[in-house]
Amino acid sequence: MKQSVYCYGALATVLLLSVTGCTRNISTNLTDDGRVSASDLVFPEQNTAWREEGTIADVDDLAKIRPGISKDDLYQLIGPPHFSESYKAREWDYILKFYDNNQQVKVCQYKVIFDKEYKGQEFYWSPADCPPQSMAVMQTNPVMVASVPTMQPAPERINLNADALFAFDKSTVQDVLPQGREELDGLAQTLRQYQQRGDSQIMITGHTDRKGDDAYNMNLSTQRARAVANYLVNQGVNPNTIIATGAGELQPIVQCSTNLPRQQEIDCLQPNRRVTLDITVNQ
């Protein structure tokens, strides 16, 4: 059985990776239909995560995760994995934080096992007392899945060409190109109009192509998303309505042959280098 490959981006592993390549400290003997025995299940060390601080869990979104879920749908619900796991990996790992009534934090690891078609089939928690009991009830209660969202989608998803926004391999507000500034200025005006219509939420996601290693691409995409968010805030967009994150190379729009000449391959992959904004407005 072919194993998934995990390329951890933590600083402490840089020297090791330069010698041994990608870490393979992962679950083994995954079946084609997305199963794994308890003895073969392995959770990565939290300090090897590229986002070691974790994410506050949204119990409503977690309750919607079911066998057969696609990676794209999983990403939309709980974001990219916290470890540098590629789009072709057969397992994704998350660090999720839960708050109790006393605002005490419980940190849990969450693993999704995918079948050979990359559909999620099995879901695991660590340590043994995860998730908190209230979360376990919500996951098994079918009524929660049918809850009606209060936010209504804006007319469209906005896609920004990263090559037009940023200088090559750059990711800060200072690196935004003149063409990119003009585009973001117009976007800020649109978003301010959305705010006038009601409560809005803006999810900004950076994306890269497959060139470069996974950890680098994840960091670059995250920094670019944050730079776009900072620019929009400076143009009067409410910072409390913005969430910025990176997907690295996990959500390609196009697939290009690896046999193309280098420049042709870069040109072919251009649609994958982008920043997307998903906007919802409670009118």
C-alpha atoms as a PDB file:
ATOM      1  CA  MET A   1       0.000   0.000   0.000  1.00  0.00           C
ATOM      2  CA  LYS A   2       1.420   3.351  -1.021  1.00  0.00           C
ATOM      3  CA  GLN A   3       1.817   5.751   1.900  1.00  0.00           C
ATOM      4  CA  SER A   4       0.875   9.409   1.941  1.00  0.00           C
ATOM      5  CA  VAL A   5       3.785  11.830   2.223  1.00  0.00           C
ATOM      6  CA  TYR A   6       3.953  14.488   4.944  1.00  0.00           C
ATOM      7  CA  CYS A   7       6.412  17.366   4.469  1.00  0.00           C
ATOM      8  CA  TYR A   8       6.569  19.123   7.821  1.00  0.00           C
ATOM      9  CA  GLY A   9       7.651  22.756   7.684  1.00  0.00           C
ATOM     10  CA  ALA A  10       8.711  23.323  11.295  1.00  0.00           C
ATOM     11  CA  LEU A  11      12.051  25.044  11.677  1.00  0.00           C
ATOM     12  CA  ALA A  12      13.369  22.278  13.905  1.00  0.00           C
ATOM     13  CA  THR A  13      13.093  19.761  11.073  1.00  0.00           C
ATOM     14  CA  VAL A  14      14.743  21.777   8.319  1.00  0.00           C
ATOM     15  CA  LEU A  15      18.155  20.135   8.623  1.00  0.00           C
ATOM     16  CA  LEU A  16      16.625  16.684   8.874  1.00  0.00           C
ATOM     17  CA  LEU A  17      14.466  17.211   5.814  1.00  0.00           C
ATOM     18  CA  SER A  18      17.426  18.426   3.789  1.00  0.00           C
ATOM     19  CA  VAL A  19      18.995  15.003   4.303  1.00  0.00           C
ATOM     20  CA  THR A  20      16.083  12.585   4.444  1.00  0.00           C
ATOM     21  CA  GLY A  21      13.387  14.328   2.399  1.00  0.00           C
ATOM     22  CA  CYS A  22       9.727  14.301   3.481  1.00  0.00           C
ATOM     23  CA  THR A  23       8.783  12.824   6.836  1.00  0.00           C
ATOM     24  CA  ARG A  24       6.857   9.516   6.693  1.00  0.00           C
ATOM     25  CA  ASN A  25       5.832   9.328  10.356  1.00  0.00           C
ATOM     26  CA  ILE A  26       2.222   8.678   9.370  1.00  0.00           C
ATOM     27  CA  SER A  27      -0.500   6.057   9.565  1.00  0.00           C
ATOM     28  CA  THR A  28       0.218   2.888   7.612  1.00  0.00           C
ATOM     29  CA  ASN A  29      -1.756   0.260   5.702  1.00  0.00           C
ATOM     30  CA  LEU A  30      -4.537   2.573   4.569  1.00  0.00           C
ATOM     31  CA  THR A  31      -7.050   0.609   2.512  1.00  0.00           C
ATOM     32  CA  ASP A  32      -8.387   1.769  -0.839  1.00  0.00           C
ATOM     33  CA  ASP A  33     -11.797   2.359   0.733  1.00  0.00           C
ATOM     34  CA  GLY A  34     -10.327   4.680   3.377  1.00  0.00           C
ATOM     35  CA  ARG A  35      -9.948   2.431   6.412  1.00  0.00           C
ATOM     36  CA  VAL A  36      -7.133   2.032   8.915  1.00  0.00           C
ATOM     37  CA  SER A  37      -6.738  -0.180  11.983  1.00  0.00           C
ATOM     38  CA  ALA A  38      -6.137   1.341  15.398  1.00  0.00           C
ATOM     39  CA  SER A  39      -2.666  -0.205  15.557  1.00  0.00           C
ATOM     40  CA  ASP A  40      -1.646   1.532  12.331  1.00  0.00           C
ATOM     41  CA  LEU A  41      -3.062   4.961  13.226  1.00  0.00           C
ATOM     42  CA  VAL A  42      -0.467   7.673  13.877  1.00  0.00           C
ATOM     43  CA  PHE A  43      -1.026  11.302  14.874  1.00  0.00           C
ATOM     44  CA  PRO A  44       1.788  13.757  14.034  1.00  0.00           C
ATOM     45  CA  GLU A  45       3.509  15.692  16.794  1.00  0.00           C
ATOM     46  CA  GLN A  46       1.824  19.065  17.284  1.00  0.00           C
ATOM     47  CA  ASN A  47       5.150  20.923  17.159  1.00  0.00           C
ATOM     48  CA  THR A  48       5.584  19.815  13.538  1.00  0.00           C
ATOM     49  CA  ALA A  49       2.477  21.727  12.431  1.00  0.00           C
ATOM     50  CA  TRP A  50       2.901  24.759  10.198  1.00  0.00           C
ATOM     51  CA  ARG A  51       0.026  26.340  12.178  1.00  0.00           C
ATOM     52  CA  GLU A  52       0.952  25.055  15.626  1.00  0.00           C
ATOM     53  CA  GLU A  53      -1.453  27.402  17.424  1.00  0.00           C
ATOM     54  CA  GLY A  54      -4.471  25.573  16.000  1.00  0.00           C
ATOM     55  CA  THR A  55      -7.937  26.850  15.120  1.00  0.00           C
ATOM     56  CA  ILE A  56     -11.011  27.520  17.258  1.00  0.00           C
ATOM     57  CA  ALA A  57     -13.450  24.738  16.378  1.00  0.00           C
ATOM     58  CA  ASP A  58     -16.822  25.581  14.862  1.00  0.00           C
ATOM     59  CA  VAL A  59     -19.093  22.834  16.138  1.00  0.00           C
ATOM     60  CA  ASP A  60     -21.782  23.498  13.532  1.00  0.00           C
ATOM     61  CA  ASP A  61     -19.285  22.983  10.707  1.00  0.00           C
ATOM     62  CA  LEU A  62     -17.780  19.881  12.306  1.00  0.00           C
ATOM     63  CA  ALA A  63     -21.268  18.425  12.649  1.00  0.00           C
ATOM     64  CA  LYS A  64     -21.665  18.546   8.853  1.00  0.00           C
ATOM     65  CA  ILE A  65     -18.651  16.316   8.165  1.00  0.00           C
ATOM     66  CA  ARG A  66     -19.781  12.878   6.996  1.00  0.00           C
ATOM     67  CA  PRO A  67     -18.238   9.868   5.169  1.00  0.00           C
ATOM     68  CA  GLY A  68     -17.834  10.666   1.488  1.00  0.00           C
ATOM     69  CA  ILE A  69     -16.915  14.328   2.025  1.00  0.00           C
ATOM     70  CA  SER A  70     -14.549  15.766  -0.584  1.00  0.00           C
ATOM     71  CA  LYS A  71     -11.355  17.624   0.248  1.00  0.00           C
ATOM     72  CA  ASP A  72     -12.792  20.818  -1.224  1.00  0.00           C
ATOM     73  CA  ASP A  73     -15.883  20.579   0.995  1.00  0.00           C
ATOM     74  CA  LEU A  74     -13.749  19.726   4.020  1.00  0.00           C
ATOM     75  CA  TYR A  75     -11.586  22.762   3.308  1.00  0.00           C
ATOM     76  CA  GLN A  76     -14.638  25.017   3.107  1.00  0.00           C
ATOM     77  CA  LEU A  77     -15.885  23.733   6.476  1.00  0.00           C
ATOM     78  CA  ILE A  78     -12.732  23.651   8.622  1.00  0.00           C
ATOM     79  CA  GLY A  79      -9.953  25.011   6.410  1.00  0.00           C
ATOM     80  CA  PRO A  80      -6.664  23.507   5.241  1.00  0.00           C
ATOM     81  CA  PRO A  81      -4.873  20.937   7.406  1.00  0.00           C
ATOM     82  CA  HIS A  82      -2.580  22.315  10.088  1.00  0.00           C
ATOM     83  CA  PHE A  83       0.250  20.080   8.922  1.00  0.00           C
ATOM     84  CA  SER A  84       1.982  20.347   5.545  1.00  0.00           C
ATOM     85  CA  GLU A  85      -0.006  17.570   3.911  1.00  0.00           C
ATOM     86  CA  SER A  86      -0.392  17.734   0.159  1.00  0.00           C
ATOM     87  CA  TYR A  87      -3.613  17.551  -1.827  1.00  0.00           C
ATOM     88  CA  LYS A  88      -2.708  13.943  -2.713  1.00  0.00           C
ATOM     89  CA  ALA A  89      -2.147  12.861   0.905  1.00  0.00           C
ATOM     90  CA  ARG A  90      -4.491  10.138   2.148  1.00  0.00           C
ATOM     91  CA  GLU A  91      -4.891  11.768   5.551  1.00  0.00           C
ATOM     92  CA  TRP A  92      -5.253  15.332   6.787  1.00  0.00           C
ATOM     93  CA  ASP A  93      -4.542  16.408  10.352  1.00  0.00           C
ATOM     94  CA  TYR A  94      -5.934  19.359  12.291  1.00  0.00           C
ATOM     95  CA  ILE A  95      -5.375  21.034  15.660  1.00  0.00           C
ATOM     96  CA  LEU A  96      -8.737  22.231  16.979  1.00  0.00           C
ATOM     97  CA  LYS A  97      -9.476  24.221  20.125  1.00  0.00           C
ATOM     98  CA  PHE A  98     -12.721  24.080  22.103  1.00  0.00           C
ATOM     99  CA  TYR A  99     -13.872  26.483  24.830  1.00  0.00           C
ATOM    100  CA  ASP A 100     -15.955  25.369  27.795  1.00  0.00           C
ATOM    101  CA  ASN A 101     -18.408  27.508  29.769  1.00  0.00           C
ATOM    102  CA  ASN A 102     -15.532  28.835  31.879  1.00  0.00           C
ATOM    103  CA  GLN A 103     -13.546  29.822  28.762  1.00  0.00           C
ATOM    104  CA  GLN A 104     -10.981  27.111  29.428  1.00  0.00           C
ATOM    105  CA  VAL A 105      -9.335  25.759  26.274  1.00  0.00           C
ATOM    106  CA  LYS A 106      -9.298  22.099  25.283  1.00  0.00           C
ATOM    107  CA  VAL A 107      -6.851  21.304  22.449  1.00  0.00           C
ATOM    108  CA  CYS A 108      -7.641  18.279  20.287  1.00  0.00           C
ATOM    109  CA  GLN A 109      -6.127  16.693  17.209  1.00  0.00           C
ATOM    110  CA  TYR A 110      -8.495  15.625  14.446  1.00  0.00           C
ATOM    111  CA  LYS A 111      -7.583  13.249  11.613  1.00  0.00           C
ATOM    112  CA  VAL A 112      -9.463  12.523   8.391  1.00  0.00           C
ATOM    113  CA  ILE A 113      -8.669   9.325   6.459  1.00  0.00           C
ATOM    114  CA  PHE A 114      -9.410   9.425   2.710  1.00  0.00           C
ATOM    115  CA  ASP A 115     -10.109   6.614   0.278  1.00  0.00           C
ATOM    116  CA  LYS A 116      -8.275   6.248  -3.038  1.00  0.00           C
ATOM    117  CA  GLU A 117     -10.681   8.788  -4.608  1.00  0.00           C
ATOM    118  CA  TYR A 118      -9.775  11.285  -1.843  1.00  0.00           C
ATOM    119  CA  LYS A 119     -13.174  11.140  -0.162  1.00  0.00           C
ATOM    120  CA  GLY A 120     -13.120  11.299   3.645  1.00  0.00           C
ATOM    121  CA  GLN A 121     -14.240   7.998   5.152  1.00  0.00           C
ATOM    122  CA  GLU A 122     -12.951   7.745   8.720  1.00  0.00           C
ATOM    123  CA  PHE A 123     -12.456  10.427  11.371  1.00  0.00           C
ATOM    124  CA  TYR A 124     -10.340  10.197  14.517  1.00  0.00           C
ATOM    125  CA  TRP A 125      -9.655  12.317  17.598  1.00  0.00           C
ATOM    126  CA  SER A 126      -6.715  12.515  19.986  1.00  0.00           C
ATOM    127  CA  PRO A 127      -6.373  12.434  22.989  1.00  0.00           C
ATOM    128  CA  ALA A 128      -9.003   9.981  24.183  1.00  0.00           C
ATOM    129  CA  ASP A 129     -11.174  12.632  25.868  1.00  0.00           C
ATOM    130  CA  CYS A 130     -11.613  14.521  22.590  1.00  0.00           C
ATOM    131  CA  PRO A 131     -13.873  15.938  21.387  1.00  0.00           C
ATOM    132  CA  PRO A 132     -15.555  17.486  24.443  1.00  0.00           C
ATOM    133  CA  GLN A 133     -18.810  15.741  25.311  1.00  0.00           C
ATOM    134  CA  SER A 134     -20.972  18.588  24.007  1.00  0.00           C
ATOM    135  CA  MET A 135     -19.241  18.303  20.633  1.00  0.00           C
ATOM    136  CA  ALA A 136     -19.793  14.540  20.494  1.00  0.00           C
ATOM    137  CA  VAL A 137     -23.532  15.046  20.975  1.00  0.00           C
ATOM    138  CA  MET A 138     -23.701  17.635  18.217  1.00  0.00           C
ATOM    139  CA  GLN A 139     -21.874  15.396  15.746  1.00  0.00           C
ATOM    140  CA  THR A 140     -24.331  12.548  16.198  1.00  0.00           C
ATOM    141  CA  ASN A 141     -27.469  14.675  16.197  1.00  0.00           C
ATOM    142  CA  PRO A 142     -28.906  14.810  12.637  1.00  0.00           C
ATOM    143  CA  VAL A 143     -31.040  17.839  13.526  1.00  0.00           C
ATOM    144  CA  MET A 144     -27.903  19.973  13.754  1.00  0.00           C
ATOM    145  CA  VAL A 145     -26.959  19.203  10.144  1.00  0.00           C
ATOM    146  CA  ALA A 146     -30.233  20.645   8.913  1.00  0.00           C
ATOM    147  CA  SER A 147     -29.745  24.009  10.594  1.00  0.00           C
ATOM    148  CA  VAL A 148     -30.409  26.959   8.289  1.00  0.00           C
ATOM    149  CA  PRO A 149     -27.474  29.375   7.925  1.00  0.00           C
ATOM    150  CA  THR A 150     -28.195  32.972   8.821  1.00  0.00           C
ATOM    151  CA  MET A 151     -25.771  34.396   6.285  1.00  0.00           C
ATOM    152  CA  GLN A 152     -26.806  34.786   2.665  1.00  0.00           C
ATOM    153  CA  PRO A 153     -24.149  34.635  -0.045  1.00  0.00           C
ATOM    154  CA  ALA A 154     -23.124  37.665  -2.038  1.00  0.00           C
ATOM    155  CA  PRO A 155     -23.650  37.339  -5.801  1.00  0.00           C
ATOM    156  CA  GLU A 156     -20.199  36.012  -6.599  1.00  0.00           C
ATOM    157  CA  ARG A 157     -16.826  34.778  -5.462  1.00  0.00           C
ATOM    158  CA  ILE A 158     -14.087  37.272  -6.248  1.00  0.00           C
ATOM    159  CA  ASN A 159     -10.858  35.881  -7.706  1.00  0.00           C
ATOM    160  CA  LEU A 160      -7.702  38.002  -7.806  1.00  0.00           C
ATOM    161  CA  ASN A 161      -4.713  37.123  -9.965  1.00  0.00           C
ATOM    162  CA  ALA A 162      -1.772  36.807  -7.560  1.00  0.00           C
ATOM    163  CA  ASP A 163       0.712  37.563 -10.349  1.00  0.00           C
ATOM    164  CA  ALA A 164      -1.022  40.907 -10.901  1.00  0.00           C
ATOM    165  CA  LEU A 165      -1.220  41.640  -7.173  1.00  0.00           C
ATOM    166  CA  PHE A 166       2.305  40.896  -5.972  1.00  0.00           C
ATOM    167  CA  ALA A 167       5.865  41.142  -7.175  1.00  0.00           C
ATOM    168  CA  PHE A 168       7.423  37.728  -7.822  1.00  0.00           C
ATOM    169  CA  ASP A 169       7.765  35.622  -4.658  1.00  0.00           C
ATOM    170  CA  LYS A 170       6.634  38.579  -2.476  1.00  0.00           C
ATOM    171  CA  SER A 171       3.791  38.707   0.012  1.00  0.00           C
ATOM    172  CA  THR A 172       3.592  41.975   1.995  1.00  0.00           C
ATOM    173  CA  VAL A 173       1.467  45.087   1.542  1.00  0.00           C
ATOM    174  CA  GLN A 174       4.594  46.933   0.400  1.00  0.00           C
ATOM    175  CA  ASP A 175       5.020  44.329  -2.371  1.00  0.00           C
ATOM    176  CA  VAL A 176       1.605  44.971  -3.955  1.00  0.00           C
ATOM    177  CA  LEU A 177       2.076  46.111  -7.566  1.00  0.00           C
ATOM    178  CA  PRO A 178       0.466  49.312  -8.915  1.00  0.00           C
ATOM    179  CA  GLN A 179      -2.032  47.263 -10.914  1.00  0.00           C
ATOM    180  CA  GLY A 180      -2.833  45.292  -7.786  1.00  0.00           C
ATOM    181  CA  ARG A 181      -3.369  48.446  -5.736  1.00  0.00           C
ATOM    182  CA  GLU A 182      -5.815  49.757  -8.291  1.00  0.00           C
ATOM    183  CA  GLU A 183      -7.719  46.477  -8.236  1.00  0.00           C
ATOM    184  CA  LEU A 184      -7.784  46.341  -4.432  1.00  0.00           C
ATOM    185  CA  ASP A 185      -8.963  49.946  -4.213  1.00  0.00           C
ATOM    186  CA  GLY A 186     -11.975  49.058  -6.358  1.00  0.00           C
ATOM    187  CA  LEU A 187     -12.567  45.922  -4.326  1.00  0.00           C
ATOM    188  CA  ALA A 188     -12.494  47.878  -1.056  1.00  0.00           C
ATOM    189  CA  GLN A 189     -15.187  50.179  -2.384  1.00  0.00           C
ATOM    190  CA  THR A 190     -17.359  47.156  -3.214  1.00  0.00           C
ATOM    191  CA  LEU A 191     -16.820  45.626   0.217  1.00  0.00           C
ATOM    192  CA  ARG A 192     -17.718  48.875   1.959  1.00  0.00           C
ATOM    193  CA  GLN A 193     -20.981  48.809   0.027  1.00  0.00           C
ATOM    194  CA  TYR A 194     -21.602  45.256   1.241  1.00  0.00           C
ATOM    195  CA  GLN A 195     -21.087  46.463   4.811  1.00  0.00           C
ATOM    196  CA  GLN A 196     -23.799  49.067   4.308  1.00  0.00           C
ATOM    197  CA  ARG A 197     -26.238  46.312   3.302  1.00  0.00           C
ATOM    198  CA  GLY A 198     -25.802  44.419   6.544  1.00  0.00           C
ATOM    199  CA  ASP A 199     -23.409  42.311   8.579  1.00  0.00           C
ATOM    200  CA  SER A 200     -20.793  40.858   6.261  1.00  0.00           C
ATOM    201  CA  GLN A 201     -18.141  38.176   6.489  1.00  0.00           C
ATOM    202  CA  ILE A 202     -15.170  37.991   4.135  1.00  0.00           C
ATOM    203  CA  MET A 203     -13.051  34.858   3.839  1.00  0.00           C
ATOM    204  CA  ILE A 204      -9.764  35.648   2.073  1.00  0.00           C
ATOM    205  CA  THR A 205      -7.779  32.621   0.905  1.00  0.00           C
ATOM    206  CA  GLY A 206      -4.359  32.660  -0.729  1.00  0.00           C
ATOM    207  CA  HIS A 207      -3.428  29.967  -3.256  1.00  0.00           C
ATOM    208  CA  THR A 208      -0.158  29.000  -4.954  1.00  0.00           C
ATOM    209  CA  ASP A 209       0.813  26.679  -7.756  1.00  0.00           C
ATOM    210  CA  ARG A 210       2.667  23.397  -7.108  1.00  0.00           C
ATOM    211  CA  LYS A 211       6.153  24.856  -7.640  1.00  0.00           C
ATOM    212  CA  GLY A 212       8.143  24.827  -4.406  1.00  0.00           C
ATOM    213  CA  ASP A 213       7.689  22.655  -1.321  1.00  0.00           C
ATOM    214  CA  ASP A 214       4.406  22.345   0.547  1.00  0.00           C
ATOM    215  CA  ALA A 215       5.410  24.260   3.686  1.00  0.00           C
ATOM    216  CA  TYR A 216       6.812  27.185   1.714  1.00  0.00           C
ATOM    217  CA  ASN A 217       3.711  27.415  -0.463  1.00  0.00           C
ATOM    218  CA  MET A 218       1.416  27.288   2.549  1.00  0.00           C
ATOM    219  CA  ASN A 219       3.313  30.116   4.234  1.00  0.00           C
ATOM    220  CA  LEU A 220       3.438  32.236   1.048  1.00  0.00           C
ATOM    221  CA  SER A 221      -0.300  31.822   0.433  1.00  0.00           C
ATOM    222  CA  THR A 222      -1.114  32.730   4.042  1.00  0.00           C
ATOM    223  CA  GLN A 223       1.084  35.841   4.007  1.00  0.00           C
ATOM    224  CA  ARG A 224      -0.492  37.019   0.750  1.00  0.00           C
ATOM    225  CA  ALA A 225      -4.005  36.555   2.128  1.00  0.00           C
ATOM    226  CA  ARG A 226      -3.049  38.568   5.209  1.00  0.00           C
ATOM    227  CA  ALA A 227      -1.485  41.292   3.062  1.00  0.00           C
ATOM    228  CA  VAL A 228      -4.713  41.633   1.061  1.00  0.00           C
ATOM    229  CA  ALA A 229      -6.679  41.759   4.322  1.00  0.00           C
ATOM    230  CA  ASN A 230      -4.421  44.490   5.735  1.00  0.00           C
ATOM    231  CA  TYR A 231      -4.693  46.526   2.539  1.00  0.00           C
ATOM    232  CA  LEU A 232      -8.498  46.343   2.603  1.00  0.00           C
ATOM    233  CA  VAL A 233      -8.605  47.324   6.268  1.00  0.00           C
ATOM    234  CA  ASN A 234      -6.460  50.361   5.450  1.00  0.00           C
ATOM    235  CA  GLN A 235      -9.083  51.252   2.850  1.00  0.00           C
ATOM    236  CA  GLY A 236     -11.888  51.274   5.400  1.00  0.00           C
ATOM    237  CA  VAL A 237     -13.119  47.672   5.393  1.00  0.00           C
ATOM    238  CA  ASN A 238     -14.127  46.513   8.877  1.00  0.00           C
ATOM    239  CA  PRO A 239     -11.332  44.213  10.189  1.00  0.00           C
ATOM    240  CA  ASN A 240     -13.852  42.297  12.317  1.00  0.00           C
ATOM    241  CA  THR A 241     -15.492  40.995   9.132  1.00  0.00           C
ATOM    242  CA  ILE A 242     -12.305  39.478   7.654  1.00  0.00           C
ATOM    243  CA  ILE A 243     -10.732  36.043   8.035  1.00  0.00           C
ATOM    244  CA  ALA A 244      -7.468  35.467   6.133  1.00  0.00           C
ATOM    245  CA  THR A 245      -5.965  32.038   5.546  1.00  0.00           C
ATOM    246  CA  GLY A 246      -3.779  30.131   3.099  1.00  0.00           C
ATOM    247  CA  ALA A 247      -4.426  26.954   1.135  1.00  0.00           C
ATOM    248  CA  GLY A 248      -0.999  26.635  -0.470  1.00  0.00           C
ATOM    249  CA  GLU A 249      -1.258  24.325  -3.480  1.00  0.00           C
ATOM    250  CA  LEU A 250      -4.168  22.299  -2.063  1.00  0.00           C
ATOM    251  CA  GLN A 251      -6.907  23.659  -4.347  1.00  0.00           C
ATOM    252  CA  PRO A 252      -5.628  23.833  -7.928  1.00  0.00           C
ATOM    253  CA  ILE A 253      -7.950  25.081 -10.656  1.00  0.00           C
ATOM    254  CA  VAL A 254      -5.923  23.619 -13.515  1.00  0.00           C
ATOM    255  CA  GLN A 255      -3.659  20.599 -13.910  1.00  0.00           C
ATOM    256  CA  CYS A 256      -0.585  20.950 -16.124  1.00  0.00           C
ATOM    257  CA  SER A 257       1.863  18.374 -17.413  1.00  0.00           C
ATOM    258  CA  THR A 258       5.191  18.162 -15.617  1.00  0.00           C
ATOM    259  CA  ASN A 259       6.824  17.496 -18.989  1.00  0.00           C
ATOM    260  CA  LEU A 260       6.282  21.031 -20.248  1.00  0.00           C
ATOM    261  CA  PRO A 261       9.252  23.386 -20.610  1.00  0.00           C
ATOM    262  CA  ARG A 262       9.682  25.372 -17.399  1.00  0.00           C
ATOM    263  CA  GLN A 263       8.219  28.686 -18.622  1.00  0.00           C
ATOM    264  CA  GLN A 264       5.301  26.955 -20.346  1.00  0.00           C
ATOM    265  CA  GLU A 265       4.561  25.064 -17.138  1.00  0.00           C
ATOM    266  CA  ILE A 266       4.664  28.305 -15.107  1.00  0.00           C
ATOM    267  CA  ASP A 267       2.318  29.989 -17.591  1.00  0.00           C
ATOM    268  CA  CYS A 268      -0.023  26.994 -17.567  1.00  0.00           C
ATOM    269  CA  LEU A 269      -0.206  27.014 -13.762  1.00  0.00           C
ATOM    270  CA  GLN A 270      -0.988  30.745 -13.556  1.00  0.00           C
ATOM    271  CA  PRO A 271      -4.723  30.304 -12.693  1.00  0.00           C
ATOM    272  CA  ASN A 272      -3.687  28.423  -9.545  1.00  0.00           C
ATOM    273  CA  ARG A 273      -1.770  31.461  -8.253  1.00  0.00           C
ATOM    274  CA  ARG A 274      -4.632  33.527  -6.904  1.00  0.00           C
ATOM    275  CA  VAL A 275      -6.330  35.098  -3.908  1.00  0.00           C
ATOM    276  CA  THR A 276     -10.042  34.385  -3.505  1.00  0.00           C
ATOM    277  CA  LEU A 277     -12.640  36.246  -1.476  1.00  0.00           C
ATOM    278  CA  ASP A 278     -15.832  34.502  -0.395  1.00  0.00           C
ATOM    279  CA  ILE A 279     -18.333  37.057   0.879  1.00  0.00           C
ATOM    280  CA  THR A 280     -21.586  36.532   2.766  1.00  0.00           C
ATOM    281  CA  VAL A 281     -23.927  39.299   3.881  1.00  0.00           C
ATOM    282  CA  ASN A 282     -26.696  39.090   6.476  1.00  0.00           C
ATOM    283  CA  GLN A 283     -29.168  41.512   5.019  1.00  0.00           C
END
